[in-house]
Amino acid sequence: MRILFSVLGLLVVVMVIGIVAKKQLVAVNQPLALPVATSNPSTGSPPATALVQTPQSAASQVKQSVEAMLQQPRPALEEK
């Protein structure tokens, strides 16, 4: 009887993990809905909301942000 409950418990755990993993994989594989950018016909200039960025420029932007955060001084601890 104990073995039966143990096996059933393990099957329930495996099912729950499978359901959560499936939901995560579906969420990761969905494409992002980007806003549609249109050009300004009066000026002929490209839109200000154009979201064109290469992976290299994204990586360098993250690197610059991290370096800027590291350069900031830490807040002083309050002494009691």
PDB file of N, CA and C in Angstrom:
ATOM      1  N   MET A   1       0.827  -1.194   0.000  1.00  0.00           N
ATOM      2  CA  MET A   1       0.000   0.000   0.000  1.00  0.00           C
ATOM      3  C   MET A   1       0.869   1.255   0.000  1.00  0.00           C
ATOM      4  N   ARG A   2       1.926   1.200   0.803  1.00  0.00           N
ATOM      5  CA  ARG A   2       2.834   2.333   0.892  1.00  0.00           C
ATOM      6  C   ARG A   2       3.544   2.577  -0.438  1.00  0.00           C
ATOM      7  N   ILE A   3       3.915   1.508  -1.114  1.00  0.00           N
ATOM      8  CA  ILE A   3       4.588   1.621  -2.408  1.00  0.00           C
ATOM      9  C   ILE A   3       3.640   2.239  -3.434  1.00  0.00           C
ATOM     10  N   LEU A   4       2.387   1.856  -3.384  1.00  0.00           N
ATOM     11  CA  LEU A   4       1.402   2.382  -4.316  1.00  0.00           C
ATOM     12  C   LEU A   4       1.248   3.894  -4.142  1.00  0.00           C
ATOM     13  N   PHE A   5       1.143   4.377  -2.899  1.00  0.00           N
ATOM     14  CA  PHE A   5       1.045   5.814  -2.652  1.00  0.00           C
ATOM     15  C   PHE A   5       2.323   6.550  -3.059  1.00  0.00           C
ATOM     16  N   SER A   6       3.452   5.929  -2.862  1.00  0.00           N
ATOM     17  CA  SER A   6       4.721   6.551  -3.253  1.00  0.00           C
ATOM     18  C   SER A   6       4.802   6.718  -4.768  1.00  0.00           C
ATOM     19  N   VAL A   7       4.422   5.691  -5.495  1.00  0.00           N
ATOM     20  CA  VAL A   7       4.458   5.750  -6.953  1.00  0.00           C
ATOM     21  C   VAL A   7       3.449   6.773  -7.459  1.00  0.00           C
ATOM     22  N   LEU A   8       2.245   6.778  -6.895  1.00  0.00           N
ATOM     23  CA  LEU A   8       1.246   7.752  -7.313  1.00  0.00           C
ATOM     24  C   LEU A   8       1.702   9.184  -6.997  1.00  0.00           C
ATOM     25  N   GLY A   9       2.320   9.375  -5.849  1.00  0.00           N
ATOM     26  CA  GLY A   9       2.843  10.697  -5.503  1.00  0.00           C
ATOM     27  C   GLY A   9       3.908  11.152  -6.479  1.00  0.00           C
ATOM     28  N   LEU A  10       4.799  10.256  -6.844  1.00  0.00           N
ATOM     29  CA  LEU A  10       5.843  10.598  -7.808  1.00  0.00           C
ATOM     30  C   LEU A  10       5.242  10.916  -9.177  1.00  0.00           C
ATOM     31  N   LEU A  11       4.220  10.182  -9.592  1.00  0.00           N
ATOM     32  CA  LEU A  11       3.570  10.463 -10.873  1.00  0.00           C
ATOM     33  C   LEU A  11       2.900  11.828 -10.862  1.00  0.00           C
ATOM     34  N   VAL A  12       2.277  12.191  -9.755  1.00  0.00           N
ATOM     35  CA  VAL A  12       1.655  13.509  -9.653  1.00  0.00           C
ATOM     36  C   VAL A  12       2.714  14.595  -9.749  1.00  0.00           C
ATOM     37  N   VAL A  13       3.836  14.415  -9.069  1.00  0.00           N
ATOM     38  CA  VAL A  13       4.917  15.397  -9.118  1.00  0.00           C
ATOM     39  C   VAL A  13       5.467  15.527 -10.538  1.00  0.00           C
ATOM     40  N   VAL A  14       5.658  14.426 -11.213  1.00  0.00           N
ATOM     41  CA  VAL A  14       6.164  14.458 -12.594  1.00  0.00           C
ATOM     42  C   VAL A  14       5.161  15.155 -13.508  1.00  0.00           C
ATOM     43  N   MET A  15       3.864  14.919 -13.294  1.00  0.00           N
ATOM     44  CA  MET A  15       2.855  15.583 -14.118  1.00  0.00           C
ATOM     45  C   MET A  15       2.859  17.086 -13.889  1.00  0.00           C
ATOM     46  N   VAL A  16       2.964  17.506 -12.643  1.00  0.00           N
ATOM     47  CA  VAL A  16       2.977  18.938 -12.338  1.00  0.00           C
ATOM     48  C   VAL A  16       4.206  19.593 -12.959  1.00  0.00           C
ATOM     49  N   ILE A  17       5.355  18.971 -12.835  1.00  0.00           N
ATOM     50  CA  ILE A  17       6.580  19.522 -13.427  1.00  0.00           C
ATOM     51  C   ILE A  17       6.453  19.584 -14.947  1.00  0.00           C
ATOM     52  N   GLY A  18       5.861  18.565 -15.559  1.00  0.00           N
ATOM     53  CA  GLY A  18       5.662  18.571 -17.008  1.00  0.00           C
ATOM     54  C   GLY A  18       4.742  19.687 -17.463  1.00  0.00           C
ATOM     55  N   ILE A  19       3.667  19.925 -16.712  1.00  0.00           N
ATOM     56  CA  ILE A  19       2.734  20.997 -17.072  1.00  0.00           C
ATOM     57  C   ILE A  19       3.410  22.353 -16.959  1.00  0.00           C
ATOM     58  N   VAL A  20       4.150  22.574 -15.881  1.00  0.00           N
ATOM     59  CA  VAL A  20       4.839  23.861 -15.695  1.00  0.00           C
ATOM     60  C   VAL A  20       5.894  24.059 -16.780  1.00  0.00           C
ATOM     61  N   ALA A  21       6.640  23.014 -17.102  1.00  0.00           N
ATOM     62  CA  ALA A  21       7.671  23.115 -18.143  1.00  0.00           C
ATOM     63  C   ALA A  21       7.038  23.420 -19.501  1.00  0.00           C
ATOM     64  N   LYS A  22       5.899  22.792 -19.788  1.00  0.00           N
ATOM     65  CA  LYS A  22       5.219  23.034 -21.066  1.00  0.00           C
ATOM     66  C   LYS A  22       4.748  24.482 -21.166  1.00  0.00           C
ATOM     67  N   LYS A  23       4.196  25.015 -20.069  1.00  0.00           N
ATOM     68  CA  LYS A  23       3.753  26.406 -20.065  1.00  0.00           C
ATOM     69  C   LYS A  23       4.924  27.355 -20.277  1.00  0.00           C
ATOM     70  N   GLN A  24       6.057  27.069 -19.665  1.00  0.00           N
ATOM     71  CA  GLN A  24       7.232  27.919 -19.818  1.00  0.00           C
ATOM     72  C   GLN A  24       7.750  27.870 -21.254  1.00  0.00           C
ATOM     73  N   LEU A  25       7.791  26.693 -21.849  1.00  0.00           N
ATOM     74  CA  LEU A  25       8.289  26.580 -23.218  1.00  0.00           C
ATOM     75  C   LEU A  25       7.368  27.279 -24.201  1.00  0.00           C
ATOM     76  N   VAL A  26       6.060  27.214 -23.976  1.00  0.00           N
ATOM     77  CA  VAL A  26       5.117  27.901 -24.861  1.00  0.00           C
ATOM     78  C   VAL A  26       5.301  29.406 -24.726  1.00  0.00           C
ATOM     79  N   ALA A  27       5.511  29.893 -23.500  1.00  0.00           N
ATOM     80  CA  ALA A  27       5.684  31.329 -23.279  1.00  0.00           C
ATOM     81  C   ALA A  27       6.973  31.831 -23.911  1.00  0.00           C
ATOM     82  N   VAL A  28       8.022  31.033 -23.892  1.00  0.00           N
ATOM     83  CA  VAL A  28       9.312  31.451 -24.454  1.00  0.00           C
ATOM     84  C   VAL A  28       9.260  31.480 -25.970  1.00  0.00           C
ATOM     85  N   ASN A  29       8.525  30.571 -26.587  1.00  0.00           N
ATOM     86  CA  ASN A  29       8.514  30.469 -28.041  1.00  0.00           C
ATOM     87  C   ASN A  29       7.548  31.422 -28.730  1.00  0.00           C
ATOM     88  N   GLN A  30       6.738  32.161 -27.971  1.00  0.00           N
ATOM     89  CA  GLN A  30       5.815  33.103 -28.597  1.00  0.00           C
ATOM     90  C   GLN A  30       6.575  34.333 -29.069  1.00  0.00           C
ATOM     91  N   PRO A  31       6.305  34.792 -30.294  1.00  0.00           N
ATOM     92  CA  PRO A  31       6.987  35.996 -30.779  1.00  0.00           C
ATOM     93  C   PRO A  31       6.457  37.239 -30.059  1.00  0.00           C
ATOM     94  N   LEU A  32       7.328  38.223 -29.926  1.00  0.00           N
ATOM     95  CA  LEU A  32       6.935  39.472 -29.293  1.00  0.00           C
ATOM     96  C   LEU A  32       6.156  40.329 -30.271  1.00  0.00           C
ATOM     97  N   ALA A  33       5.163  41.024 -29.771  1.00  0.00           N
ATOM     98  CA  ALA A  33       4.378  41.938 -30.600  1.00  0.00           C
ATOM     99  C   ALA A  33       5.022  43.319 -30.510  1.00  0.00           C
ATOM    100  N   LEU A  34       5.725  43.703 -31.559  1.00  0.00           N
ATOM    101  CA  LEU A  34       6.390  44.996 -31.585  1.00  0.00           C
ATOM    102  C   LEU A  34       5.449  46.039 -32.172  1.00  0.00           C
ATOM    103  N   PRO A  35       5.531  47.266 -31.687  1.00  0.00           N
ATOM    104  CA  PRO A  35       4.677  48.303 -32.258  1.00  0.00           C
ATOM    105  C   PRO A  35       5.066  48.583 -33.714  1.00  0.00           C
ATOM    106  N   VAL A  36       4.072  48.896 -34.514  1.00  0.00           N
ATOM    107  CA  VAL A  36       4.311  49.176 -35.922  1.00  0.00           C
ATOM    108  C   VAL A  36       4.836  50.598 -36.039  1.00  0.00           C
ATOM    109  N   ALA A  37       5.981  50.730 -36.669  1.00  0.00           N
ATOM    110  CA  ALA A  37       6.595  52.046 -36.842  1.00  0.00           C
ATOM    111  C   ALA A  37       6.310  52.544 -38.246  1.00  0.00           C
ATOM    112  N   THR A  38       5.780  53.748 -38.334  1.00  0.00           N
ATOM    113  CA  THR A  38       5.519  54.346 -39.636  1.00  0.00           C
ATOM    114  C   THR A  38       6.339  55.615 -39.749  1.00  0.00           C
ATOM    115  N   SER A  39       6.734  55.940 -40.959  1.00  0.00           N
ATOM    116  CA  SER A  39       7.524  57.150 -41.152  1.00  0.00           C
ATOM    117  C   SER A  39       6.605  58.354 -41.235  1.00  0.00           C
ATOM    118  N   ASN A  40       7.160  59.496 -40.952  1.00  0.00           N
ATOM    119  CA  ASN A  40       6.407  60.742 -41.007  1.00  0.00           C
ATOM    120  C   ASN A  40       6.386  61.204 -42.461  1.00  0.00           C
ATOM    121  N   PRO A  41       5.222  61.218 -43.119  1.00  0.00           N
ATOM    122  CA  PRO A  41       5.197  61.560 -44.542  1.00  0.00           C
ATOM    123  C   PRO A  41       5.547  63.018 -44.812  1.00  0.00           C
ATOM    124  N   SER A  42       5.327  63.923 -43.856  1.00  0.00           N
ATOM    125  CA  SER A  42       5.617  65.335 -44.117  1.00  0.00           C
ATOM    126  C   SER A  42       7.117  65.615 -44.126  1.00  0.00           C
ATOM    127  N   THR A  43       7.881  64.916 -43.274  1.00  0.00           N
ATOM    128  CA  THR A  43       9.323  65.161 -43.221  1.00  0.00           C
ATOM    129  C   THR A  43      10.117  64.090 -43.945  1.00  0.00           C
ATOM    130  N   GLY A  44       9.523  62.913 -44.092  1.00  0.00           N
ATOM    131  CA  GLY A  44      10.229  61.836 -44.767  1.00  0.00           C
ATOM    132  C   GLY A  44      11.299  61.209 -43.895  1.00  0.00           C
ATOM    133  N   SER A  45      11.339  61.574 -42.627  1.00  0.00           N
ATOM    134  CA  SER A  45      12.347  61.026 -41.731  1.00  0.00           C
ATOM    135  C   SER A  45      11.872  59.694 -41.165  1.00  0.00           C
ATOM    136  N   PRO A  46      12.813  58.860 -40.738  1.00  0.00           N
ATOM    137  CA  PRO A  46      12.409  57.582 -40.148  1.00  0.00           C
ATOM    138  C   PRO A  46      11.726  57.833 -38.807  1.00  0.00           C
ATOM    139  N   PRO A  47      10.895  56.907 -38.361  1.00  0.00           N
ATOM    140  CA  PRO A  47      10.158  57.108 -37.116  1.00  0.00           C
ATOM    141  C   PRO A  47      11.083  57.114 -35.908  1.00  0.00           C
ATOM    142  N   ALA A  48      10.667  57.829 -34.892  1.00  0.00           N
ATOM    143  CA  ALA A  48      11.462  57.895 -33.672  1.00  0.00           C
ATOM    144  C   ALA A  48      11.353  56.606 -32.879  1.00  0.00           C
ATOM    145  N   THR A  49      10.331  55.808 -33.154  1.00  0.00           N
ATOM    146  CA  THR A  49      10.126  54.572 -32.403  1.00  0.00           C
ATOM    147  C   THR A  49      10.675  53.358 -33.115  1.00  0.00           C
ATOM    148  N   ALA A  50      11.559  53.554 -34.070  1.00  0.00           N
ATOM    149  CA  ALA A  50      12.129  52.419 -34.790  1.00  0.00           C
ATOM    150  C   ALA A  50      12.951  51.578 -33.822  1.00  0.00           C
ATOM    151  N   LEU A  51      12.675  50.284 -33.802  1.00  0.00           N
ATOM    152  CA  LEU A  51      13.328  49.388 -32.850  1.00  0.00           C
ATOM    153  C   LEU A  51      14.292  48.462 -33.576  1.00  0.00           C
ATOM    154  N   VAL A  52      15.283  49.025 -34.246  1.00  0.00           N
ATOM    155  CA  VAL A  52      16.256  48.237 -34.965  1.00  0.00           C
ATOM    156  C   VAL A  52      17.534  48.213 -34.139  1.00  0.00           C
ATOM    157  N   GLN A  53      17.916  47.015 -33.700  1.00  0.00           N
ATOM    158  CA  GLN A  53      19.102  46.892 -32.865  1.00  0.00           C
ATOM    159  C   GLN A  53      19.725  45.522 -33.115  1.00  0.00           C
ATOM    160  N   THR A  54      21.023  45.505 -33.336  1.00  0.00           N
ATOM    161  CA  THR A  54      21.709  44.251 -33.565  1.00  0.00           C
ATOM    162  C   THR A  54      22.069  43.627 -32.219  1.00  0.00           C
ATOM    163  N   PRO A  55      22.310  42.330 -32.183  1.00  0.00           N
ATOM    164  CA  PRO A  55      22.706  41.695 -30.927  1.00  0.00           C
ATOM    165  C   PRO A  55      24.000  42.279 -30.351  1.00  0.00           C
ATOM    166  N   GLN A  56      24.925  42.676 -31.234  1.00  0.00           N
ATOM    167  CA  GLN A  56      26.177  43.252 -30.753  1.00  0.00           C
ATOM    168  C   GLN A  56      25.929  44.592 -30.070  1.00  0.00           C
ATOM    169  N   SER A  57      25.060  45.418 -30.647  1.00  0.00           N
ATOM    170  CA  SER A  57      24.799  46.706 -30.029  1.00  0.00           C
ATOM    171  C   SER A  57      24.019  46.533 -28.729  1.00  0.00           C
ATOM    172  N   ALA A  58      23.151  45.533 -28.665  1.00  0.00           N
ATOM    173  CA  ALA A  58      22.424  45.263 -27.422  1.00  0.00           C
ATOM    174  C   ALA A  58      23.391  44.811 -26.343  1.00  0.00           C
ATOM    175  N   ALA A  59      24.346  43.957 -26.712  1.00  0.00           N
ATOM    176  CA  ALA A  59      25.325  43.480 -25.741  1.00  0.00           C
ATOM    177  C   ALA A  59      26.213  44.622 -25.253  1.00  0.00           C
ATOM    178  N   SER A  60      26.620  45.507 -26.158  1.00  0.00           N
ATOM    179  CA  SER A  60      27.457  46.624 -25.736  1.00  0.00           C
ATOM    180  C   SER A  60      26.661  47.603 -24.874  1.00  0.00           C
ATOM    181  N   GLN A  61      25.376  47.755 -25.150  1.00  0.00           N
ATOM    182  CA  GLN A  61      24.543  48.632 -24.325  1.00  0.00           C
ATOM    183  C   GLN A  61      24.407  48.063 -22.913  1.00  0.00           C
ATOM    184  N   VAL A  62      24.227  46.755 -22.794  1.00  0.00           N
ATOM    185  CA  VAL A  62      24.144  46.126 -21.476  1.00  0.00           C
ATOM    186  C   VAL A  62      25.466  46.270 -20.746  1.00  0.00           C
ATOM    187  N   LYS A  63      26.572  46.069 -21.463  1.00  0.00           N
ATOM    188  CA  LYS A  63      27.886  46.187 -20.854  1.00  0.00           C
ATOM    189  C   LYS A  63      28.118  47.604 -20.336  1.00  0.00           C
ATOM    190  N   GLN A  64      27.742  48.604 -21.116  1.00  0.00           N
ATOM    191  CA  GLN A  64      27.892  49.986 -20.681  1.00  0.00           C
ATOM    192  C   GLN A  64      27.020  50.286 -19.467  1.00  0.00           C
ATOM    193  N   SER A  65      25.819  49.749 -19.442  1.00  0.00           N
ATOM    194  CA  SER A  65      24.930  49.967 -18.302  1.00  0.00           C
ATOM    195  C   SER A  65      25.496  49.350 -17.035  1.00  0.00           C
ATOM    196  N   VAL A  66      26.031  48.144 -17.157  1.00  0.00           N
ATOM    197  CA  VAL A  66      26.615  47.469 -15.993  1.00  0.00           C
ATOM    198  C   VAL A  66      27.834  48.230 -15.500  1.00  0.00           C
ATOM    199  N   GLU A  67      28.687  48.671 -16.412  1.00  0.00           N
ATOM    200  CA  GLU A  67      29.873  49.431 -16.007  1.00  0.00           C
ATOM    201  C   GLU A  67      29.488  50.746 -15.339  1.00  0.00           C
ATOM    202  N   ALA A  68      28.437  51.399 -15.831  1.00  0.00           N
ATOM    203  CA  ALA A  68      27.976  52.641 -15.210  1.00  0.00           C
ATOM    204  C   ALA A  68      27.448  52.379 -13.804  1.00  0.00           C
ATOM    205  N   MET A  69      26.741  51.275 -13.628  1.00  0.00           N
ATOM    206  CA  MET A  69      26.234  50.937 -12.301  1.00  0.00           C
ATOM    207  C   MET A  69      27.372  50.599 -11.341  1.00  0.00           C
ATOM    208  N   LEU A  70      28.423  49.972 -11.853  1.00  0.00           N
ATOM    209  CA  LEU A  70      29.557  49.623 -10.996  1.00  0.00           C
ATOM    210  C   LEU A  70      30.351  50.857 -10.577  1.00  0.00           C
ATOM    211  N   GLN A  71      30.309  51.911 -11.366  1.00  0.00           N
ATOM    212  CA  GLN A  71      31.052  53.126 -11.049  1.00  0.00           C
ATOM    213  C   GLN A  71      30.371  53.963  -9.974  1.00  0.00           C
ATOM    214  N   GLN A  72      29.075  53.733  -9.746  1.00  0.00           N
ATOM    215  CA  GLN A  72      28.361  54.511  -8.739  1.00  0.00           C
ATOM    216  C   GLN A  72      28.804  54.085  -7.336  1.00  0.00           C
ATOM    217  N   PRO A  73      28.984  55.045  -6.433  1.00  0.00           N
ATOM    218  CA  PRO A  73      29.378  54.681  -5.069  1.00  0.00           C
ATOM    219  C   PRO A  73      28.225  54.007  -4.335  1.00  0.00           C
ATOM    220  N   ARG A  74      28.597  53.109  -3.426  1.00  0.00           N
ATOM    221  CA  ARG A  74      27.576  52.446  -2.616  1.00  0.00           C
ATOM    222  C   ARG A  74      27.049  53.417  -1.582  1.00  0.00           C
ATOM    223  N   PRO A  75      25.782  53.283  -1.219  1.00  0.00           N
ATOM    224  CA  PRO A  75      25.258  54.155  -0.169  1.00  0.00           C
ATOM    225  C   PRO A  75      25.895  53.817   1.168  1.00  0.00           C
ATOM    226  N   ALA A  76      26.110  54.845   1.966  1.00  0.00           N
ATOM    227  CA  ALA A  76      26.738  54.657   3.270  1.00  0.00           C
ATOM    228  C   ALA A  76      25.784  53.934   4.207  1.00  0.00           C
ATOM    229  N   LEU A  77      26.326  53.059   5.029  1.00  0.00           N
ATOM    230  CA  LEU A  77      25.524  52.337   5.997  1.00  0.00           C
ATOM    231  C   LEU A  77      25.189  53.249   7.174  1.00  0.00           C
ATOM    232  N   GLU A  78      23.983  53.137   7.653  1.00  0.00           N
ATOM    233  CA  GLU A  78      23.592  53.934   8.808  1.00  0.00           C
ATOM    234  C   GLU A  78      24.061  53.245  10.074  1.00  0.00           C
ATOM    235  N   GLU A  79      24.764  53.955  10.923  1.00  0.00           N
ATOM    236  CA  GLU A  79      25.228  53.388  12.176  1.00  0.00           C
ATOM    237  C   GLU A  79      24.210  53.669  13.261  1.00  0.00           C
ATOM    238  N   LYS A  80      24.019  52.698  14.128  1.00  0.00           N
ATOM    239  CA  LYS A  80      23.040  52.859  15.196  1.00  0.00           C
ATOM    240  C   LYS A  80      23.681  53.302  16.485  1.00  0.00           C
TER     241      LYS A  80
END
